[in-house]
C-alpha cells in the first residue's frame, strides 16, 4: 500500500518545499469582478470552486488511451456544462461517448463499469458546492455528487460518484490540490466500489500560462478481479482570454495493470 501512494507523497513534499506557507485567506474578486476561470477538465483533480453566480462554464475534451493489453480507447466529447446558482453552488450535466478498450482519464468521470472493449455513451448529472474558503491552513474545498446513466451500449445500469477536493494556494502563486472520489461500479453480475485519490501541483508561468504535475489512481473494493490503476501525468493550459482556456495533459501508467500512455486535449469556455 505505501508503494501505491509514493508519488502523492513526493508531490506533497515538493509543494511544501517550494513555498513558504499558505496565504492567510483565499483571494476574493472585488465587486462584480469575475474569478479566474477554473475548469474541472484541466486536471484529473477537479477544481474546488464553482462556476460563479449566473455564469456557465462549458467544457469539451478528447482522450486517447494506449492500453497495455487490448485495443486503444477513445473518449469524446467529454461534454460538461456547469451552471452557477449563487456564490457556492452549481448544477452539472454532460454527455460522453467511449469507443475501444477500457479506461477513463477524464476528471469528470470515474473508472468504468464493465472494463472490456465496448462502444458506450452516458449522460451525467449532478451538483457541486463549495464547502470552505482558504484561511491559513484551512483549504478551499468543494464537494461533488454525480450520477451516470448509459444511453447506448451493453450496460443499462446507472452509477454514482461522490468526491471532495481541497486546495492550498501559496504566496508564490503555486497551488497544491488533492481530491478523493468514491463511486459504484458493475461488471456483469459483480457489483463493487471504486476509490480514486489524486493530487496535483500547479505552477503559474506568467499571467496566462499554467503547468502542472499530477498523480491519480483508481482502486476497487469488493471486486472479484481488483482494479489497480496508477497514473502520473504532466500538462498545462493557456488562457486565450479570461473566459477561454485551452489545455493539454499527457500521462503514463505507473504499474503493469495501467495503460502505457494517455493524452487529453480540451477547452473550457465561460459565458
Protein backbone atom coordinates (compact mmCIF):
# COMPACT_ATOMS: atom_id res chain seq x y z
CA UNK A 1 0.00 0.00 0.00
CA UNK A 2 2.74 2.60 0.76
CA UNK A 3 4.26 1.96 -2.68
CA UNK A 4 0.98 2.86 -4.38
CA UNK A 5 0.83 6.31 -2.88
CA UNK A 6 4.53 7.19 -3.06
CA UNK A 7 4.01 9.63 -5.99
CA UNK A 8 1.41 11.52 -3.97
CA UNK A 9 3.80 11.82 -1.02
CA UNK A 10 6.59 13.13 -3.25
CA UNK A 11 4.34 15.83 -4.72
CA UNK A 12 3.20 16.81 -1.24
CA UNK A 13 6.82 17.32 -0.15
CA UNK A 14 7.56 19.31 -3.30
CA UNK A 15 4.67 21.67 -2.61
CA UNK A 16 5.83 22.42 0.93
CA UNK A 17 9.45 22.81 -0.13
CA UNK A 18 8.60 25.27 -2.89
CA UNK A 19 6.51 27.73 -0.89
CA UNK A 20 6.89 29.38 2.50
CA UNK A 21 3.28 28.89 3.56
CA UNK A 22 -0.31 29.33 2.54
CA UNK A 23 -1.93 32.68 2.06
CA UNK A 24 -3.87 33.79 5.09
CA UNK A 25 -7.10 33.85 3.11
CA UNK A 26 -8.33 32.96 -0.35
CA UNK A 27 -8.29 35.82 -2.80
CA UNK A 28 -11.81 37.06 -3.48
CA UNK A 29 -12.86 39.08 -6.54
CA UNK A 30 -13.59 42.72 -5.85
CA UNK A 31 -17.09 43.94 -6.58
CA UNK A 32 -18.58 42.19 -9.60
CA UNK A 33 -15.19 41.14 -10.99
CA UNK A 34 -15.05 37.54 -12.22
CA UNK A 35 -12.77 35.00 -10.61
CA UNK A 36 -10.05 33.26 -12.60
CA UNK A 37 -11.53 30.63 -14.92
CA UNK A 38 -11.07 27.18 -13.35
CA UNK A 39 -12.27 24.17 -15.32
CA UNK A 40 -12.70 20.66 -13.98
CA UNK A 41 -11.13 19.18 -17.13
CA UNK A 42 -7.74 20.91 -16.68
CA UNK A 43 -6.56 18.11 -14.36
CA UNK A 44 -7.99 14.82 -13.13
CA UNK A 45 -8.28 16.53 -9.72
CA UNK A 46 -11.43 18.62 -10.13
CA UNK A 47 -11.47 22.31 -9.23
CA UNK A 48 -12.51 23.17 -5.62
CA UNK A 49 -14.58 26.10 -6.93
CA UNK A 50 -17.94 26.54 -8.67
CA UNK A 51 -18.80 28.39 -11.86
CA UNK A 52 -19.94 31.58 -10.12
CA UNK A 53 -23.35 33.23 -9.72
CA UNK A 54 -25.27 33.41 -13.00
CA UNK A 55 -22.30 32.08 -15.01
CA UNK A 56 -21.97 28.95 -17.14
CA UNK A 57 -18.77 27.01 -17.89
CA UNK A 58 -18.80 24.62 -20.84
CA UNK A 59 -16.01 22.04 -21.13
CA UNK A 60 -15.08 19.75 -24.05
CA UNK A 61 -12.16 17.32 -24.43
CA UNK A 62 -10.86 14.24 -26.19
CA UNK A 63 -8.89 11.44 -24.50
CA UNK A 64 -6.73 8.78 -26.16
CA UNK A 65 -5.54 5.80 -24.09
CA UNK A 66 -2.92 3.30 -25.29
CA UNK A 67 -3.85 0.21 -23.28
CA UNK A 68 -1.15 -2.30 -22.39
CA UNK A 69 -3.43 -5.17 -23.40
CA UNK A 70 -6.48 -4.91 -25.60
CA UNK A 71 -7.47 -2.18 -28.04
CA UNK A 72 -6.74 1.51 -27.60
CA UNK A 73 -9.52 3.68 -26.17
CA UNK A 74 -11.08 6.91 -27.42
CA UNK A 75 -13.32 9.16 -25.31
CA UNK A 76 -15.17 12.23 -26.61
CA UNK A 77 -16.66 14.86 -26.43
CA UNK A 78 -16.45 14.63 -22.60
CA UNK A 79 -19.00 17.42 -22.52
CA UNK A 80 -19.60 19.05 -19.13
CA UNK A 81 -21.85 22.09 -18.58
CA UNK A 82 -21.65 23.79 -15.18
CA UNK A 83 -24.23 26.43 -14.23
CA UNK A 84 -23.57 28.60 -11.21
CA UNK A 85 -26.50 29.08 -8.82
CA UNK A 86 -25.43 31.65 -6.23
CA UNK A 87 -21.91 32.08 -4.88
CA UNK A 88 -21.21 28.48 -3.81
CA UNK A 89 -23.46 26.09 -5.77
CA UNK A 90 -23.58 24.78 -9.32
CA UNK A 91 -25.64 22.29 -11.31
CA UNK A 92 -23.84 19.96 -13.74
CA UNK A 93 -24.83 17.98 -16.81
CA UNK A 94 -22.86 16.28 -19.56
CA UNK A 95 -22.51 13.59 -22.18
CA UNK A 96 -19.71 11.28 -23.35
CA UNK A 97 -19.04 8.52 -25.88
CA UNK A 98 -16.38 5.86 -25.34
CA UNK A 99 -15.04 3.53 -28.02
CA UNK A 100 -12.49 0.72 -27.97
CA UNK A 101 -10.76 -0.66 -24.90
CA UNK A 102 -11.19 0.17 -21.21
CA UNK A 103 -10.09 3.29 -19.44
CA UNK A 104 -11.21 6.76 -18.40
CA UNK A 105 -8.83 9.61 -17.50
CA UNK A 106 -11.30 12.50 -17.65
CA UNK A 107 -11.68 14.49 -14.47
CA UNK A 108 -15.48 14.46 -14.77
CA UNK A 109 -15.81 10.66 -14.60
CA UNK A 110 -14.52 7.75 -12.51
CA UNK A 111 -13.28 4.38 -13.70
CA UNK A 112 -15.64 2.36 -15.81
CA UNK A 113 -18.46 -0.10 -15.48
CA UNK A 114 -17.55 -3.20 -17.45
CA UNK A 115 -13.81 -2.89 -18.15
CA UNK A 116 -13.86 -4.58 -21.57
CA UNK A 117 -13.79 -3.42 -25.18
CA UNK A 118 -17.02 -1.51 -25.76
CA UNK A 119 -18.91 1.23 -27.52
CA UNK A 120 -20.92 3.13 -24.96
CA UNK A 121 -22.34 6.59 -24.33
CA UNK A 122 -23.50 8.00 -21.00
CA UNK A 123 -25.12 11.14 -19.63
CA UNK A 124 -24.02 12.65 -16.34
CA UNK A 125 -25.91 14.91 -13.95
CA UNK A 126 -25.16 16.31 -10.54
CA UNK A 127 -24.11 19.26 -8.43
CA UNK A 128 -21.10 20.82 -6.72
CA UNK A 129 -20.99 23.01 -3.62
CA UNK A 130 -18.06 24.97 -2.17
CA UNK A 131 -17.53 23.87 1.42
CA UNK A 132 -14.77 26.21 2.66
CA UNK A 133 -12.58 29.19 1.74
CA UNK A 134 -8.86 29.24 2.35
CA UNK A 135 -7.91 30.76 5.69
CA UNK A 136 -4.44 29.88 6.96
CA UNK A 137 -4.11 26.12 6.77
CA UNK A 138 -7.85 25.67 6.12
CA UNK A 139 -8.10 24.96 2.37
CA UNK A 140 -10.50 26.00 -0.31
CA UNK A 141 -12.72 22.96 -0.81
CA UNK A 142 -15.76 21.66 -2.67
CA UNK A 143 -18.00 18.60 -2.58
CA UNK A 144 -19.39 16.97 -5.71
CA UNK A 145 -22.12 14.39 -6.35
CA UNK A 146 -22.79 12.95 -9.81
CA UNK A 147 -24.85 10.23 -11.43
CA UNK A 148 -24.17 8.43 -14.72
CA UNK A 149 -26.78 6.73 -16.90
CA UNK A 150 -25.96 4.77 -20.09
CA UNK A 151 -27.93 5.75 -23.19
CA UNK A 152 -26.18 3.41 -25.63
CA UNK A 153 -24.07 0.28 -25.26
CA UNK A 154 -24.01 -3.06 -23.45
CA UNK A 155 -24.79 -1.72 -19.98
CA UNK A 156 -28.11 -0.43 -18.64
CA UNK A 157 -27.04 0.22 -15.03
CA UNK A 158 -26.65 3.70 -13.61
CA UNK A 159 -23.72 4.50 -11.31
CA UNK A 160 -22.87 7.33 -8.94
CA UNK A 161 -19.81 9.21 -7.71
CA UNK A 162 -19.10 11.37 -4.65
CA UNK A 163 -15.96 13.45 -4.23
CA UNK A 164 -14.24 16.17 -2.23
CA UNK A 165 -11.41 18.42 -3.46
CA UNK A 166 -9.06 20.62 -1.39
CA UNK A 167 -6.58 23.31 -2.48
CA UNK A 168 -3.94 25.49 -0.84
CA UNK A 169 -2.54 28.45 -2.78
CA UNK A 170 0.84 29.75 -1.64
CA UNK A 171 2.39 33.22 -1.67
CA UNK A 172 4.45 32.44 -4.77
CA UNK A 173 1.29 31.53 -6.75
CA UNK A 174 1.89 27.77 -6.64
CA UNK A 175 -1.14 25.69 -5.74
CA UNK A 176 -1.43 22.20 -4.28
CA UNK A 177 -4.72 20.40 -4.95
CA UNK A 178 -5.91 16.99 -3.85
CA UNK A 179 -9.16 15.08 -4.15
CA UNK A 180 -10.78 11.81 -3.17
CA UNK A 181 -13.61 10.19 -5.13
CA UNK A 182 -15.88 7.29 -4.26
CA UNK A 183 -18.01 5.57 -6.90
CA UNK A 184 -20.08 2.49 -7.62
CA UNK A 185 -19.36 0.06 -10.45
CA UNK A 186 -20.67 -3.08 -12.11
CA UNK A 187 -19.16 -5.82 -14.26
CA UNK A 188 -21.72 -8.39 -15.39
CA UNK A 189 -23.21 -9.54 -12.04
CA UNK A 190 -20.31 -8.22 -9.93
CA UNK A 191 -21.17 -5.02 -8.01
CA UNK A 192 -18.22 -3.24 -6.42
CA UNK A 193 -16.93 0.07 -5.09
CA UNK A 194 -14.21 2.33 -6.51
CA UNK A 195 -11.89 4.78 -4.74
CA UNK A 196 -9.84 7.36 -6.60
CA UNK A 197 -7.21 9.56 -4.87
CA UNK A 198 -5.43 12.31 -6.78
CA UNK A 199 -3.01 15.14 -6.07
CA UNK A 200 -1.71 17.95 -8.27
CA UNK A 201 0.95 20.65 -8.05
CA UNK A 202 0.04 23.65 -10.27
CA UNK A 203 2.62 26.31 -11.16
CA UNK A 204 1.78 29.60 -12.94
CA UNK A 205 4.08 30.69 -15.77
CA UNK A 206 3.40 34.34 -16.48
CA UNK A 207 -0.14 35.71 -16.44
CA UNK A 208 -1.81 33.30 -18.89
CA UNK A 209 0.08 30.00 -18.68
CA UNK A 210 -0.13 27.31 -16.02
CA UNK A 211 1.71 23.95 -15.84
CA UNK A 212 1.13 21.01 -13.50
CA UNK A 213 2.34 17.58 -12.40
CA UNK A 214 -0.21 15.06 -11.15
CA UNK A 215 -0.70 11.62 -9.68
CA UNK A 216 -4.04 9.78 -9.62
CA UNK A 217 -5.21 6.23 -9.08
CA UNK A 218 -8.37 4.14 -9.41
CA UNK A 219 -8.76 1.25 -6.96
CA UNK A 220 -11.63 -1.17 -6.41
CA UNK A 221 -13.07 -2.82 -3.30
CA UNK A 222 -15.26 -5.91 -3.33
CA UNK A 223 -14.47 -6.78 -6.95
CA UNK A 224 -13.66 -10.34 -7.96
CA UNK A 225 -10.81 -9.16 -10.18
CA UNK A 226 -9.48 -5.99 -8.49
CA UNK A 227 -8.84 -2.73 -10.33
CA UNK A 228 -5.47 -1.14 -9.58
CA UNK A 229 -4.72 1.72 -11.99
CA UNK A 230 -1.94 4.19 -11.15
CA UNK A 231 -1.04 7.21 -13.31
CA UNK A 232 1.46 10.05 -13.44
CA UNK A 233 0.94 12.99 -15.80
CA UNK A 234 2.21 16.39 -16.88
CA UNK A 235 0.18 19.13 -18.50
CA UNK A 236 -0.77 22.75 -18.70
CA UNK A 237 -3.21 25.29 -20.03
CA UNK A 238 -3.23 28.74 -21.57
CA UNK A 239 -5.93 31.38 -21.13
CA UNK A 240 -6.66 32.64 -24.63
CA UNK A 241 -8.97 35.18 -22.99
CA UNK A 242 -10.20 35.45 -19.40
CA UNK A 243 -13.17 33.27 -20.46
CA UNK A 244 -11.49 30.76 -22.82
CA UNK A 245 -8.98 28.08 -21.76
CA UNK A 246 -7.05 25.57 -23.89
CA UNK A 247 -5.26 22.69 -22.15
CA UNK A 248 -3.26 19.50 -22.76
CA UNK A 249 -2.39 16.58 -20.44
CA UNK A 250 -0.06 13.66 -21.20
CA UNK A 251 0.37 10.76 -18.78
CA UNK A 252 1.65 7.24 -18.32
CA UNK A 253 0.83 4.15 -16.29
CA UNK A 254 2.86 3.53 -13.14
CA UNK A 255 2.20 -0.22 -12.82
CA UNK A 256 1.71 -3.21 -15.11
CA UNK A 257 -2.09 -3.11 -14.92
CA UNK A 258 -2.29 0.51 -16.12
CA UNK A 259 -2.23 1.75 -19.74
CA UNK A 260 1.09 2.64 -21.35
CA UNK A 261 0.27 6.30 -22.06
CA UNK A 262 -2.70 8.62 -22.42
CA UNK A 263 -3.33 12.13 -23.73
CA UNK A 264 -6.17 14.56 -23.18
CA UNK A 265 -6.80 17.75 -25.17
CA UNK A 266 -9.64 20.09 -24.35
CA UNK A 267 -11.01 23.56 -23.83
CA UNK A 268 -13.23 25.43 -21.42
CA UNK A 269 -15.50 28.41 -22.12
CA UNK A 270 -17.26 30.68 -19.63
CA UNK A 271 -20.25 32.80 -20.51
